[in-house]
Amino acid sequence: MVLKSTRRWLVATAAVSVAMLLGPAHAAVTATSDQARALAKEAWIYGYPVVESYKTLYAQAVERDGPNFKAPFNHIGNTAQTFTPKDTAIITPNADTPYSFAWLDLRAEPIVLTLPRVERDRYYSVQLLDIYTQIFGYLGTRETGNGGGRFLIAGPDWHGATPPGIDHVLRSESNIAYALYRTQLFDDADLANVRNIQKGYAVQTLSAFQHRKAPPAAPAIDWPKPQPGMTDGVALFRYLDFMLRFAPPEPTESALMQRLAAIDVGPGKTFDENALSPEIRQAMNDGIADAKAEFAMFHKTKLGTKQVSSGDLFGSRAFLKNNYMYRYAGAALGIYGNTGAEALYPGYFTDAEGQPLNGANGARYTLRFAKDALPPANAFWSITMYDGKSKLLVDNPANRYLINSRMLKMLARDADGGITLDLQHGEPGAEREANWLPAPDAPFYVILRLYMPKAEATDGKWKQPPLVKASQ
């Protein structure tokens, strides 16, 4: 018989022994405070696009009762209208092209995307992205033409030959991929035509396309629910570790992953912010603040001075050359942006005097395009207004979120044939209403989009005109 006091001693001794075997709660983090700060900064810049994209994945493909749900994995969801302020799953959305969305699970087998034939003067595209937000291919007007076709999207574990009936095979670096469709809308009367095109977009597994038995299904995934502020603090690293399960380690990142392992970030890791010591948590939060400060400086000194353009921020891994600040900037300013060949996004974040844009207190701005200096685009161009805080479209009584090249005939011309746009919160008057782009009574920014830009836009010969604040 064992006395109660002896039993208590045995239980306590066993608990101590287990603790000694497991180590302290934060044993997975082996870095010192100084090292943790530096590594958290590096991991934040690396991982922000992955986790920001995860929020979209969850909203569109997992949360079936959510307001932004589009379709389950390996199915397509279509929107037969352009984005409005009520659409919150994607920041800085384009409101020119109704979207279609397909999140792809490539673990069990490849997916076949079928595109219909589309009339020659309509732009459409399918942008293909991996979990890092890197673009691994395009389908549609610029890349494969408007003739349609069947295209195989394969993950890193598939090594088969091109199947009969497939026009082209495109390979994703990760087993979770995103197909983002854009179909140009000419005007409100064109919605029925866009809907018909969208009906022709098909998403099938390879086995369904070939009418054969499907391979064994991949294991079910327990998708962690996004939490408020997940891209603002150390919780980001937990979601990053989760997403890295779906991509094999990239050889060019082996040294980086070896470093980040010291803060429990990387393939096979399971970061737990609740297990961090107070000192390490503070150090990592300081590192995140350092990353945000570096991005703010990059935005001011590189993007703000046009030394770096939007075309530099989006592309494949080979194009980006593992420049994680570029990838981070692209995700922070306009996630899922196109490559420079597909579209350019000259932004307006300050006025001609370098001051931040703000529509409060009756502030008024003008943007003038000379007669022969409209944005040079082979497909079309548009200029869109965004709320500076939410990064979403601006709610306004006119329900106008952009002005684009399809609206040229409606716009009032200057005496010399140029076009001046009015960007302000209040209505400018009936004679200027067509040229009015409503701004919030608050900070804002504006994105100019050039789809299939002409050479003079990509080589710098065409100069983006300044946004000028009118005198009060």
Protein backbone atom coordinates (compact mmCIF):
# COMPACT_ATOMS: atom_id res chain seq x y z
CA MET A 1 0.00 0.00 0.00
CA VAL A 2 1.33 3.48 -0.95
CA LEU A 3 0.66 6.39 1.40
CA LYS A 4 -1.12 9.47 -0.01
CA SER A 5 1.97 11.60 0.60
CA THR A 6 4.09 9.07 -1.26
CA ARG A 7 1.62 9.04 -4.15
CA ARG A 8 1.75 12.84 -4.31
CA TRP A 9 5.55 12.70 -4.37
CA LEU A 10 5.51 10.12 -7.18
CA VAL A 11 3.07 12.20 -9.24
CA ALA A 12 5.13 15.34 -8.74
CA THR A 13 8.35 13.50 -9.58
CA ALA A 14 6.78 12.07 -12.73
CA ALA A 15 5.61 15.54 -13.79
CA VAL A 16 9.09 16.94 -13.28
CA SER A 17 10.58 14.06 -15.27
CA VAL A 18 8.18 14.67 -18.17
CA ALA A 19 8.97 18.38 -18.08
CA MET A 20 12.69 17.61 -18.17
CA LEU A 21 12.18 15.33 -21.17
CA LEU A 22 10.01 17.83 -23.03
CA GLY A 23 11.98 20.87 -22.00
CA PRO A 24 10.44 24.26 -21.27
CA ALA A 25 7.24 25.25 -23.07
CA HIS A 26 9.15 27.36 -25.57
CA ALA A 27 11.86 24.81 -26.30
CA ALA A 28 10.98 24.87 -30.00
CA VAL A 29 12.41 28.39 -30.14
CA THR A 30 16.15 28.09 -29.67
CA ALA A 31 17.12 31.62 -30.68
CA THR A 32 18.25 34.27 -28.24
CA SER A 33 16.15 37.43 -27.93
CA ASP A 34 18.38 39.34 -30.33
CA GLN A 35 18.36 36.49 -32.82
CA ALA A 36 14.58 36.07 -32.48
CA ARG A 37 14.05 39.73 -33.33
CA ALA A 38 16.16 39.53 -36.48
CA LEU A 39 14.65 36.22 -37.55
CA ALA A 40 11.07 37.38 -36.91
CA LYS A 41 11.69 40.34 -39.19
CA GLU A 42 13.00 38.03 -41.91
CA ALA A 43 10.19 35.51 -41.46
CA TRP A 44 7.53 38.23 -41.49
CA ILE A 45 8.66 39.66 -44.82
CA TYR A 46 8.87 36.12 -46.21
CA GLY A 47 5.58 34.85 -44.83
CA TYR A 48 3.17 37.78 -45.02
CA PRO A 49 2.02 37.04 -48.61
CA VAL A 50 1.39 33.38 -47.77
CA VAL A 51 -0.84 34.21 -44.81
CA GLU A 52 -2.60 37.15 -46.45
CA SER A 53 -3.43 34.76 -49.30
CA TYR A 54 -4.64 32.15 -46.80
CA LYS A 55 -7.30 34.56 -45.60
CA THR A 56 -8.64 34.72 -49.15
CA LEU A 57 -8.43 30.94 -49.56
CA TYR A 58 -10.41 30.34 -46.38
CA ALA A 59 -13.06 32.94 -47.24
CA GLN A 60 -13.54 31.75 -50.81
CA ALA A 61 -13.14 27.96 -50.60
CA VAL A 62 -13.57 26.81 -46.98
CA GLU A 63 -16.07 28.99 -45.09
CA ARG A 64 -19.21 27.84 -46.88
CA ASP A 65 -21.57 30.06 -44.89
CA GLY A 66 -19.35 33.11 -45.17
CA PRO A 67 -20.20 36.20 -47.25
CA ASN A 68 -17.20 35.75 -49.58
CA PHE A 69 -17.52 32.02 -50.29
CA LYS A 70 -17.20 31.24 -54.02
CA ALA A 71 -16.82 27.47 -54.52
CA PRO A 72 -15.26 24.42 -52.85
CA PHE A 73 -11.84 23.22 -53.97
CA ASN A 74 -11.56 22.07 -57.59
CA HIS A 75 -14.76 23.87 -58.56
CA ILE A 76 -15.24 27.32 -60.04
CA GLY A 77 -17.21 30.20 -58.62
CA ASN A 78 -18.29 33.02 -60.91
CA THR A 79 -19.31 36.58 -60.14
CA ALA A 80 -21.41 38.12 -62.87
CA GLN A 81 -20.74 41.63 -61.64
CA THR A 82 -17.71 43.69 -60.78
CA PHE A 83 -16.43 44.21 -57.24
CA THR A 84 -18.18 46.68 -54.93
CA PRO A 85 -17.33 47.97 -51.43
CA LYS A 86 -19.24 44.97 -50.04
CA ASP A 87 -16.56 42.60 -51.38
CA THR A 88 -13.89 42.36 -48.68
CA ALA A 89 -11.95 39.14 -49.38
CA ILE A 90 -9.35 40.80 -51.64
CA ILE A 91 -7.70 44.16 -50.94
CA THR A 92 -7.26 46.69 -53.76
CA PRO A 93 -9.60 44.72 -56.05
CA ASN A 94 -10.02 45.57 -59.70
CA ALA A 95 -13.55 46.63 -60.64
CA ASP A 96 -13.14 46.35 -64.42
CA THR A 97 -13.37 42.62 -64.90
CA PRO A 98 -15.87 40.27 -63.27
CA TYR A 99 -13.90 37.54 -61.55
CA SER A 100 -14.14 33.79 -61.47
CA PHE A 101 -12.34 31.85 -58.75
CA ALA A 102 -10.99 28.32 -58.51
CA TRP A 103 -8.88 27.10 -55.60
CA LEU A 104 -7.12 23.91 -56.65
CA ASP A 105 -6.07 20.95 -54.51
CA LEU A 106 -3.44 19.18 -56.60
CA ARG A 107 -2.39 16.54 -54.07
CA ALA A 108 -4.30 13.57 -55.51
CA GLU A 109 -4.16 14.45 -59.21
CA PRO A 110 -3.87 17.39 -61.64
CA ILE A 111 -6.77 19.64 -62.58
CA VAL A 112 -7.91 20.48 -66.12
CA LEU A 113 -9.08 24.03 -66.87
CA THR A 114 -11.18 24.48 -70.02
CA LEU A 115 -11.57 27.92 -71.60
CA PRO A 116 -14.14 28.83 -74.26
CA ARG A 117 -13.48 30.81 -77.41
CA VAL A 118 -13.95 34.55 -76.79
CA GLU A 119 -14.42 37.40 -79.30
CA ARG A 120 -11.23 39.08 -80.44
CA ASP A 121 -11.72 42.50 -78.82
CA ARG A 122 -12.52 41.20 -75.32
CA TYR A 123 -9.71 40.71 -72.80
CA TYR A 124 -9.80 37.66 -70.57
CA SER A 125 -7.18 35.84 -68.56
CA VAL A 126 -6.56 33.14 -66.00
CA GLN A 127 -3.77 33.98 -63.57
CA LEU A 128 -2.21 30.94 -61.88
CA LEU A 129 -0.63 31.38 -58.44
CA ASP A 130 1.01 29.15 -55.86
CA ILE A 131 0.73 29.50 -52.07
CA TYR A 132 3.50 32.11 -52.05
CA THR A 133 1.46 34.33 -54.44
CA GLN A 134 4.06 33.67 -57.13
CA ILE A 135 2.63 33.52 -60.64
CA PHE A 136 3.46 30.28 -62.45
CA GLY A 137 1.48 30.88 -65.59
CA TYR A 138 -1.26 32.60 -67.58
CA LEU A 139 -4.02 31.51 -69.88
CA GLY A 140 -6.09 33.78 -72.10
CA THR A 141 -5.75 36.75 -74.43
CA ARG A 142 -2.07 37.63 -74.08
CA GLU A 143 -0.56 34.22 -73.44
CA THR A 144 -2.73 31.63 -75.23
CA GLY A 145 -5.07 33.81 -77.31
CA ASN A 146 -8.85 34.06 -77.38
CA GLY A 147 -9.39 30.67 -79.02
CA GLY A 148 -9.93 28.74 -75.79
CA GLY A 149 -8.41 25.36 -74.99
CA ARG A 150 -7.77 22.75 -72.32
CA PHE A 151 -4.91 23.18 -69.87
CA LEU A 152 -3.52 20.84 -67.21
CA ILE A 153 -2.48 22.31 -63.84
CA ALA A 154 -0.14 19.91 -62.02
CA GLY A 155 1.39 19.99 -58.56
CA PRO A 156 5.02 19.29 -57.64
CA ASP A 157 4.41 15.55 -57.11
CA TRP A 158 2.95 14.79 -60.57
CA HIS A 159 5.37 13.69 -63.28
CA GLY A 160 3.21 12.29 -66.07
CA ALA A 161 3.34 13.01 -69.79
CA THR A 162 0.98 15.48 -71.42
CA PRO A 163 -2.36 13.63 -71.73
CA PRO A 164 -4.23 13.50 -75.05
CA GLY A 165 -6.57 16.43 -75.54
CA ILE A 166 -4.50 18.78 -73.36
CA ASP A 167 -3.02 21.84 -75.05
CA HIS A 168 -0.45 22.68 -72.39
CA VAL A 169 0.74 21.61 -68.93
CA LEU A 170 1.53 24.21 -66.26
CA ARG A 171 3.21 23.23 -63.00
CA SER A 172 2.64 24.73 -59.57
CA GLU A 173 5.39 24.80 -56.96
CA SER A 174 2.77 23.98 -54.31
CA ASN A 175 -0.02 21.43 -54.03
CA ILE A 176 -2.53 24.20 -53.32
CA ALA A 177 -2.92 26.68 -56.17
CA TYR A 178 -5.22 29.49 -57.21
CA ALA A 179 -6.75 30.17 -60.62
CA LEU A 180 -8.01 33.75 -60.80
CA TYR A 181 -10.08 34.55 -63.89
CA ARG A 182 -10.70 38.05 -65.26
CA THR A 183 -13.30 38.66 -67.98
CA GLN A 184 -13.58 42.17 -69.37
CA LEU A 185 -16.97 43.85 -68.94
CA PHE A 186 -17.71 46.54 -71.52
CA ASP A 187 -20.70 48.14 -69.74
CA ASP A 188 -23.79 47.17 -67.75
CA ALA A 189 -25.56 45.96 -70.91
CA ASP A 190 -22.67 43.52 -71.43
CA LEU A 191 -23.31 41.48 -68.27
CA ALA A 192 -25.27 38.78 -70.10
CA ASN A 193 -22.34 38.24 -72.47
CA VAL A 194 -19.92 37.92 -69.57
CA ARG A 195 -22.20 35.37 -67.90
CA ASN A 196 -22.22 33.26 -71.07
CA ILE A 197 -18.44 33.30 -71.21
CA GLN A 198 -18.22 32.29 -67.56
CA LYS A 199 -20.52 29.34 -68.24
CA GLY A 200 -17.82 28.07 -70.59
CA TYR A 201 -15.16 27.99 -67.85
CA ALA A 202 -14.82 24.38 -66.67
CA VAL A 203 -12.73 22.87 -63.86
CA GLN A 204 -12.26 19.07 -63.76
CA THR A 205 -9.94 16.56 -62.20
CA LEU A 206 -7.76 14.78 -64.75
CA SER A 207 -9.58 11.50 -64.08
CA ALA A 208 -12.97 13.14 -64.74
CA PHE A 209 -11.61 14.70 -67.94
CA GLN A 210 -10.38 11.28 -69.08
CA HIS A 211 -13.55 9.46 -67.91
CA ARG A 212 -11.60 7.05 -65.75
CA LYS A 213 -11.61 6.00 -62.10
CA ALA A 214 -10.28 8.61 -59.74
CA PRO A 215 -7.14 7.89 -57.68
CA PRO A 216 -7.44 7.63 -53.87
CA ALA A 217 -8.48 10.94 -52.33
CA ALA A 218 -5.90 12.97 -50.46
CA PRO A 219 -6.36 13.21 -46.66
CA ALA A 220 -8.91 15.73 -45.43
CA ILE A 221 -7.44 19.06 -44.32
CA ASP A 222 -8.38 20.68 -41.02
CA TRP A 223 -8.17 24.31 -42.13
CA PRO A 224 -7.49 26.64 -39.16
CA LYS A 225 -10.01 29.45 -38.92
CA PRO A 226 -8.51 32.89 -39.49
CA GLN A 227 -8.40 35.06 -36.39
CA PRO A 228 -8.60 38.84 -36.10
CA GLY A 229 -5.18 40.43 -36.46
CA MET A 230 -3.53 37.26 -37.76
CA THR A 231 -1.36 39.29 -40.14
CA ASP A 232 -0.48 41.88 -37.49
CA GLY A 233 1.37 39.81 -34.89
CA VAL A 234 3.19 36.58 -34.12
CA ALA A 235 0.11 34.45 -34.96
CA LEU A 236 1.14 34.88 -38.59
CA PHE A 237 3.94 32.36 -38.08
CA ARG A 238 1.49 29.65 -36.99
CA TYR A 239 -0.52 30.03 -40.19
CA LEU A 240 2.69 30.19 -42.22
CA ASP A 241 3.87 26.85 -40.83
CA PHE A 242 0.50 25.35 -41.69
CA MET A 243 0.60 26.52 -45.30
CA LEU A 244 4.18 25.38 -45.84
CA ARG A 245 2.92 21.80 -45.47
CA PHE A 246 1.58 22.06 -48.99
CA ALA A 247 4.85 22.79 -50.75
CA PRO A 248 8.07 20.78 -50.80
CA PRO A 249 11.11 22.69 -49.52
CA GLU A 250 12.54 24.94 -52.21
CA PRO A 251 16.29 24.26 -52.69
CA THR A 252 17.11 27.96 -53.04
CA GLU A 253 15.58 28.55 -49.60
CA SER A 254 17.40 25.86 -47.64
CA ALA A 255 19.68 28.31 -45.83
CA LEU A 256 16.74 30.59 -45.01
CA MET A 257 14.71 27.70 -43.59
CA GLN A 258 17.66 26.57 -41.49
CA ARG A 259 17.82 30.05 -39.95
CA LEU A 260 14.07 30.34 -39.38
CA ALA A 261 13.95 26.94 -37.67
CA ALA A 262 15.44 28.68 -34.61
CA ILE A 263 12.08 30.45 -34.13
CA ASP A 264 10.06 27.34 -35.08
CA VAL A 265 9.15 28.59 -38.55
CA GLY A 266 9.45 26.45 -41.66
CA PRO A 267 8.39 23.14 -43.26
CA GLY A 268 7.36 20.59 -40.64
CA LYS A 269 7.26 23.17 -37.86
CA THR A 270 4.28 23.95 -35.61
CA PHE A 271 4.72 27.44 -34.25
CA ASP A 272 2.81 28.09 -31.02
CA GLU A 273 2.73 31.71 -29.90
CA ASN A 274 1.23 30.71 -26.55
CA ALA A 275 4.39 28.76 -25.70
CA LEU A 276 6.69 31.75 -26.12
CA SER A 277 8.42 33.24 -23.12
CA PRO A 278 7.59 36.93 -22.52
CA GLU A 279 11.09 37.93 -23.59
CA ILE A 280 10.98 36.00 -26.87
CA ARG A 281 7.45 37.19 -27.66
CA GLN A 282 8.52 40.80 -27.18
CA ALA A 283 11.62 40.25 -29.30
CA MET A 284 9.56 38.76 -32.11
CA ASN A 285 7.00 41.57 -31.95
CA ASP A 286 9.90 44.01 -32.19
CA GLY A 287 11.13 42.13 -35.25
CA ILE A 288 7.69 42.43 -36.84
CA ALA A 289 7.76 46.17 -36.17
CA ASP A 290 11.18 46.30 -37.82
CA ALA A 291 9.77 44.54 -40.90
CA LYS A 292 6.87 46.99 -41.15
CA ALA A 293 9.25 49.93 -40.81
CA GLU A 294 11.48 48.54 -43.55
CA PHE A 295 8.46 48.16 -45.82
CA ALA A 296 7.35 51.73 -45.09
CA MET A 297 10.80 52.97 -46.07
CA PHE A 298 10.78 50.81 -49.20
CA HIS A 299 7.37 52.21 -50.11
CA LYS A 300 8.60 55.78 -49.67
CA THR A 301 12.04 55.58 -51.22
CA LYS A 302 11.53 52.96 -53.96
CA LEU A 303 7.88 52.80 -54.94
CA GLY A 304 7.17 56.43 -54.13
CA THR A 305 10.07 57.62 -56.29
CA LYS A 306 9.19 55.18 -59.12
CA GLN A 307 12.55 53.42 -58.81
CA VAL A 308 10.50 50.25 -58.41
CA SER A 309 7.25 49.78 -60.35
CA SER A 310 4.30 47.49 -59.84
CA GLY A 311 5.66 45.35 -62.66
CA ASP A 312 8.65 44.50 -60.46
CA LEU A 313 6.50 43.13 -57.63
CA PHE A 314 4.57 40.31 -59.30
CA GLY A 315 5.80 37.25 -61.16
CA SER A 316 7.31 33.81 -60.87
CA ARG A 317 10.02 32.81 -58.42
CA ALA A 318 12.55 33.01 -61.23
CA PHE A 319 11.41 36.53 -62.08
CA LEU A 320 11.39 37.75 -58.47
CA LYS A 321 14.70 36.02 -57.70
CA ASN A 322 13.53 35.39 -54.11
CA ASN A 323 13.20 39.12 -53.46
CA TYR A 324 10.86 38.74 -50.50
CA MET A 325 10.41 42.47 -49.97
CA TYR A 326 9.04 42.78 -53.49
CA ARG A 327 6.70 39.86 -52.87
CA TYR A 328 5.63 41.35 -49.53
CA ALA A 329 5.01 44.77 -51.07
CA GLY A 330 2.89 43.24 -53.81
CA ALA A 331 0.73 41.36 -51.30
CA ALA A 332 0.40 44.36 -48.99
CA LEU A 333 -0.52 46.86 -51.70
CA GLY A 334 -2.58 44.73 -54.11
CA ILE A 335 -2.41 40.99 -53.64
CA TYR A 336 -2.67 38.88 -56.81
CA GLY A 337 -1.43 41.67 -59.02
CA ASN A 338 -0.42 40.75 -62.54
CA THR A 339 3.01 40.58 -64.12
CA GLY A 340 4.20 43.69 -65.92
CA ALA A 341 3.57 42.06 -69.29
CA GLU A 342 -0.05 41.36 -68.36
CA ALA A 343 -0.82 44.63 -66.58
CA LEU A 344 0.86 47.62 -64.98
CA TYR A 345 -0.43 49.35 -61.86
CA PRO A 346 1.03 52.84 -61.50
CA GLY A 347 -0.20 54.03 -58.13
CA TYR A 348 -1.01 57.43 -56.65
CA PHE A 349 -0.35 57.55 -52.93
CA THR A 350 0.80 61.18 -52.77
CA ASP A 351 0.05 64.33 -54.73
CA ALA A 352 2.45 66.26 -56.96
CA GLU A 353 3.94 67.89 -53.85
CA GLY A 354 4.59 64.56 -52.15
CA GLN A 355 1.76 64.91 -49.64
CA PRO A 356 -0.51 61.96 -48.74
CA LEU A 357 -3.88 61.95 -50.48
CA ASN A 358 -6.83 62.85 -48.26
CA GLY A 359 -10.38 63.74 -49.31
CA ALA A 360 -11.31 65.31 -45.96
CA ASN A 361 -12.19 68.99 -45.45
CA GLY A 362 -13.29 69.53 -49.03
CA ALA A 363 -9.92 68.70 -50.56
CA ARG A 364 -10.01 68.42 -54.37
CA TYR A 365 -7.55 66.80 -56.77
CA THR A 366 -7.21 66.67 -60.53
CA LEU A 367 -5.53 64.19 -62.86
CA ARG A 368 -5.00 65.39 -66.42
CA PHE A 369 -4.15 63.31 -69.48
CA ALA A 370 -2.96 65.31 -72.47
CA LYS A 371 -4.75 64.71 -75.78
CA ASP A 372 -2.16 62.34 -77.16
CA ALA A 373 -0.95 60.91 -73.83
CA LEU A 374 -3.71 58.62 -72.61
CA PRO A 375 -2.48 55.49 -70.81
CA PRO A 376 -1.00 53.22 -73.53
CA ALA A 377 -2.68 49.81 -73.29
CA ASN A 378 -3.43 47.19 -75.92
CA ALA A 379 -6.46 45.87 -74.01
CA PHE A 380 -7.80 48.72 -71.86
CA TRP A 381 -6.93 51.06 -68.98
CA SER A 382 -8.74 52.17 -65.84
CA ILE A 383 -8.20 54.33 -62.77
CA THR A 384 -9.77 53.17 -59.49
CA MET A 385 -10.29 54.83 -56.10
CA TYR A 386 -9.55 53.04 -52.80
CA ASP A 387 -10.08 53.82 -49.13
CA GLY A 388 -6.67 54.43 -47.57
CA LYS A 389 -7.42 52.43 -44.41
CA SER A 390 -9.45 49.42 -45.55
CA LYS A 391 -7.81 49.21 -49.01
CA LEU A 392 -11.26 48.49 -50.43
CA LEU A 393 -13.46 50.30 -52.94
CA VAL A 394 -15.06 53.53 -51.73
CA ASP A 395 -18.80 53.52 -51.08
CA ASN A 396 -20.42 56.55 -52.72
CA PRO A 397 -23.90 57.65 -53.81
CA ALA A 398 -22.97 57.49 -57.51
CA ASN A 399 -21.82 53.83 -57.18
CA ARG A 400 -18.81 54.83 -59.27
CA TYR A 401 -15.52 53.23 -58.33
CA LEU A 402 -13.46 53.84 -61.46
CA ILE A 403 -13.13 55.58 -64.80
CA ASN A 404 -11.84 53.52 -67.71
CA SER A 405 -11.09 53.66 -71.41
CA ARG A 406 -14.51 52.30 -72.32
CA MET A 407 -15.99 55.52 -70.85
CA LEU A 408 -13.97 57.94 -73.00
CA LYS A 409 -16.95 59.02 -75.11
CA MET A 410 -18.80 60.06 -71.95
CA LEU A 411 -16.04 62.26 -70.55
CA ALA A 412 -15.88 66.02 -70.91
CA ARG A 413 -12.82 67.15 -72.89
CA ASP A 414 -10.54 70.06 -72.14
CA ALA A 415 -10.32 72.88 -74.68
CA ASP A 416 -7.19 71.29 -76.20
CA GLY A 417 -8.73 67.80 -76.35
CA GLY A 418 -7.15 66.47 -73.17
CA ILE A 419 -9.08 64.91 -70.29
CA THR A 420 -9.08 66.12 -66.69
CA LEU A 421 -10.52 63.90 -63.98
CA ASP A 422 -11.87 65.29 -60.69
CA LEU A 423 -11.04 63.29 -57.56
CA GLN A 424 -12.93 64.62 -54.54
CA HIS A 425 -15.52 63.69 -51.95
CA GLY A 426 -18.20 66.21 -52.87
CA GLU A 427 -20.04 66.29 -56.18
CA PRO A 428 -18.33 68.61 -58.69
CA GLY A 429 -21.49 69.83 -60.45
CA ALA A 430 -23.52 68.52 -63.37
CA GLU A 431 -21.08 69.68 -66.05
CA ARG A 432 -18.22 67.75 -64.42
CA GLU A 433 -20.13 64.72 -63.15
CA ALA A 434 -18.91 62.37 -65.92
CA ASN A 435 -15.29 63.14 -64.99
CA TRP A 436 -15.83 62.71 -61.24
CA LEU A 437 -14.13 59.87 -59.35
CA PRO A 438 -15.64 59.98 -55.82
CA ALA A 439 -13.12 60.01 -52.99
CA PRO A 440 -13.79 59.23 -49.32
CA ASP A 441 -13.91 61.96 -46.70
CA ALA A 442 -10.66 60.43 -45.47
CA PRO A 443 -7.26 59.22 -46.72
CA PHE A 444 -7.29 57.44 -50.06
CA TYR A 445 -5.10 56.14 -52.86
CA VAL A 446 -5.64 55.57 -56.56
CA ILE A 447 -4.43 52.80 -58.86
CA LEU A 448 -4.08 53.25 -62.62
CA ARG A 449 -4.27 49.92 -64.45
CA LEU A 450 -2.98 49.26 -67.96
CA TYR A 451 -4.00 45.83 -69.26
CA MET A 452 -1.58 44.45 -71.81
CA PRO A 453 0.51 47.63 -71.68
CA LYS A 454 2.16 48.93 -74.82
CA ALA A 455 5.92 49.17 -75.16
CA GLU A 456 6.03 52.88 -74.28
CA ALA A 457 4.50 52.05 -70.90
CA THR A 458 6.89 49.21 -70.09
CA ASP A 459 10.04 50.95 -71.31
CA GLY A 460 9.29 54.20 -69.51
CA LYS A 461 8.76 56.46 -72.53
CA TRP A 462 5.21 57.22 -71.41
CA LYS A 463 5.22 59.29 -68.24
CA GLN A 464 2.53 58.93 -65.62
CA PRO A 465 0.95 62.38 -65.10
CA PRO A 466 0.92 63.85 -61.56
CA LEU A 467 -2.11 64.04 -59.31
CA VAL A 468 -2.49 67.71 -58.39
CA LYS A 469 -4.22 69.12 -55.34
CA ALA A 470 -6.41 72.08 -56.22
CA SER A 471 -6.02 75.27 -54.23
CA GLN A 472 -8.78 75.80 -51.67
